[in-house]
Amino acid sequence: QVQLVESGGGLVQPGGSLRLSCVASGSTFSSVTMAWYRQAPGKERDLVAAIFRYGGTNYAESVKGRFTISRDNTKNTVYLQMNSVKPEDTAVYYCTGGTNGGVPTYWGQGTQVTVSS
């Protein structure tokens, strides 16, 4: 069983920055895809960014050029650096680990990000 614990959410002003972190338990962290999803009120849960086993990345169009996903396999941690945030980035952000047929295997509990002045 893998546990994912997110941190770093909070209130940030438009144009500001925030960094989310997700620490994973288990010894297989370095061999699996890690990703961040988000869900805004009344909307579906969508992929924000993913980082693959060998470091390749994938981003939603809405965050390209603003968000950066990275991983530190020595710390079993994945990060989401959020720059130039917008009110529409407001959502609960979830860390995920592993995939099964394209569907994440493990989910964190989520961390709230609110972009507001």
Protein backbone atom coordinates (compact mmCIF):
# COMPACT_ATOMS: atom_id res chain seq x y z
CA GLN A 1 0.00 0.00 0.00
CA VAL A 2 1.26 3.46 -0.91
CA GLN A 3 0.35 6.57 1.03
CA LEU A 4 0.59 10.06 -0.43
CA VAL A 5 0.62 13.15 1.75
CA GLU A 6 0.31 16.58 0.17
CA SER A 7 1.27 19.91 1.68
CA GLY A 8 1.83 23.50 0.63
CA GLY A 9 -1.67 24.60 -0.26
CA GLY A 10 -3.16 27.86 0.91
CA LEU A 11 -4.28 31.32 -0.12
CA VAL A 12 -2.24 33.17 -2.73
CA GLN A 13 -2.84 36.38 -4.63
CA PRO A 14 -3.25 36.42 -8.39
CA GLY A 15 0.15 36.53 -10.03
CA GLY A 16 1.81 34.94 -7.03
CA SER A 17 3.55 31.61 -6.54
CA LEU A 18 3.01 28.50 -4.49
CA ARG A 19 4.79 25.16 -4.26
CA LEU A 20 2.95 21.96 -3.47
CA SER A 21 4.76 18.91 -2.15
CA CYS A 22 3.73 15.28 -1.98
CA VAL A 23 5.63 12.69 0.02
CA ALA A 24 5.06 9.05 -0.89
CA SER A 25 5.60 5.99 1.23
CA GLY A 26 6.85 2.75 -0.29
CA SER A 27 9.94 1.65 -2.12
CA THR A 28 8.63 1.82 -5.68
CA PHE A 29 8.33 5.61 -5.92
CA SER A 30 11.14 6.05 -8.43
CA SER A 31 9.62 3.55 -10.84
CA VAL A 32 6.12 4.99 -11.16
CA THR A 33 4.43 7.92 -12.80
CA MET A 34 3.49 10.68 -10.39
CA ALA A 35 0.94 13.36 -11.15
CA TRP A 36 -1.11 16.25 -9.85
CA TYR A 37 -4.84 16.53 -10.49
CA ARG A 38 -7.20 19.27 -9.42
CA GLN A 39 -10.90 19.66 -8.87
CA ALA A 40 -12.66 22.98 -8.71
CA PRO A 41 -16.15 23.32 -7.18
CA GLY A 42 -18.77 21.94 -9.52
CA LYS A 43 -16.21 20.66 -12.00
CA GLU A 44 -14.61 17.36 -12.85
CA ARG A 45 -11.23 16.29 -11.56
CA ASP A 46 -8.64 17.05 -14.24
CA LEU A 47 -4.98 16.26 -14.81
CA VAL A 48 -2.70 19.21 -14.17
CA ALA A 49 0.74 17.69 -14.70
CA ALA A 50 2.47 14.32 -14.75
CA ILE A 51 6.07 13.22 -14.47
CA PHE A 52 7.12 9.84 -15.75
CA ARG A 53 9.61 7.33 -14.50
CA TYR A 54 12.55 8.73 -16.47
CA GLY A 55 11.66 12.39 -15.98
CA GLY A 56 9.49 13.19 -18.96
CA THR A 57 6.59 15.50 -18.23
CA ASN A 58 3.13 16.31 -19.48
CA TYR A 59 1.03 19.41 -18.71
CA ALA A 60 -2.51 20.58 -19.17
CA GLU A 61 -2.66 23.39 -21.72
CA SER A 62 -4.05 25.76 -19.12
CA VAL A 63 -0.91 25.56 -16.96
CA LYS A 64 1.84 25.23 -19.55
CA GLY A 65 4.56 27.81 -18.99
CA ARG A 66 3.30 28.57 -15.47
CA PHE A 67 3.49 25.31 -13.53
CA THR A 68 6.42 22.93 -13.22
CA ILE A 69 6.30 19.37 -11.92
CA SER A 70 9.43 17.76 -10.58
CA ARG A 71 10.44 14.82 -8.44
CA ASP A 72 13.19 13.97 -6.00
CA ASN A 73 13.49 10.21 -5.87
CA THR A 74 15.92 10.39 -2.92
CA LYS A 75 13.14 11.97 -0.87
CA ASN A 76 10.16 10.11 -2.40
CA THR A 77 8.71 13.54 -3.12
CA VAL A 78 6.99 15.14 -6.08
CA TYR A 79 6.53 18.90 -6.36
CA LEU A 80 4.30 21.27 -8.24
CA GLN A 81 5.71 24.77 -8.59
CA MET A 82 2.88 27.13 -9.42
CA ASN A 83 3.81 30.54 -10.80
CA SER A 84 1.69 33.38 -12.16
CA VAL A 85 -1.37 31.82 -10.58
CA LYS A 86 -4.85 32.86 -11.65
CA PRO A 87 -8.22 32.77 -9.87
CA GLU A 88 -9.20 29.87 -12.13
CA ASP A 89 -6.39 27.82 -10.58
CA THR A 90 -8.46 27.68 -7.39
CA ALA A 91 -9.16 24.02 -6.64
CA VAL A 92 -8.33 21.08 -4.44
CA TYR A 93 -5.08 19.63 -5.72
CA TYR A 94 -4.46 15.91 -5.47
CA CYS A 95 -1.22 14.02 -5.74
CA THR A 96 -1.41 10.65 -7.47
CA GLY A 97 0.97 7.73 -7.84
CA GLY A 98 1.13 4.90 -10.34
CA THR A 99 -1.25 4.22 -13.18
CA ASN A 100 -3.43 1.33 -14.24
CA GLY A 101 -4.78 1.70 -17.72
CA GLY A 102 -4.19 5.43 -17.51
CA VAL A 103 -6.07 5.77 -14.24
CA PRO A 104 -4.04 6.74 -11.15
CA THR A 105 -3.64 3.93 -8.66
CA TYR A 106 -3.11 5.93 -5.50
CA TRP A 107 -4.48 9.30 -4.41
CA GLY A 108 -3.57 11.72 -1.68
CA GLN A 109 -6.14 13.43 0.50
CA GLY A 110 -5.90 16.72 -1.40
CA THR A 111 -4.77 20.22 -0.52
CA GLN A 112 -6.78 23.38 -1.10
CA VAL A 113 -5.33 26.15 -3.25
CA THR A 114 -7.23 29.42 -3.33
CA VAL A 115 -6.18 32.25 -5.63
CA SER A 116 -7.79 35.47 -4.55
CA SER A 117 -6.97 39.07 -3.77
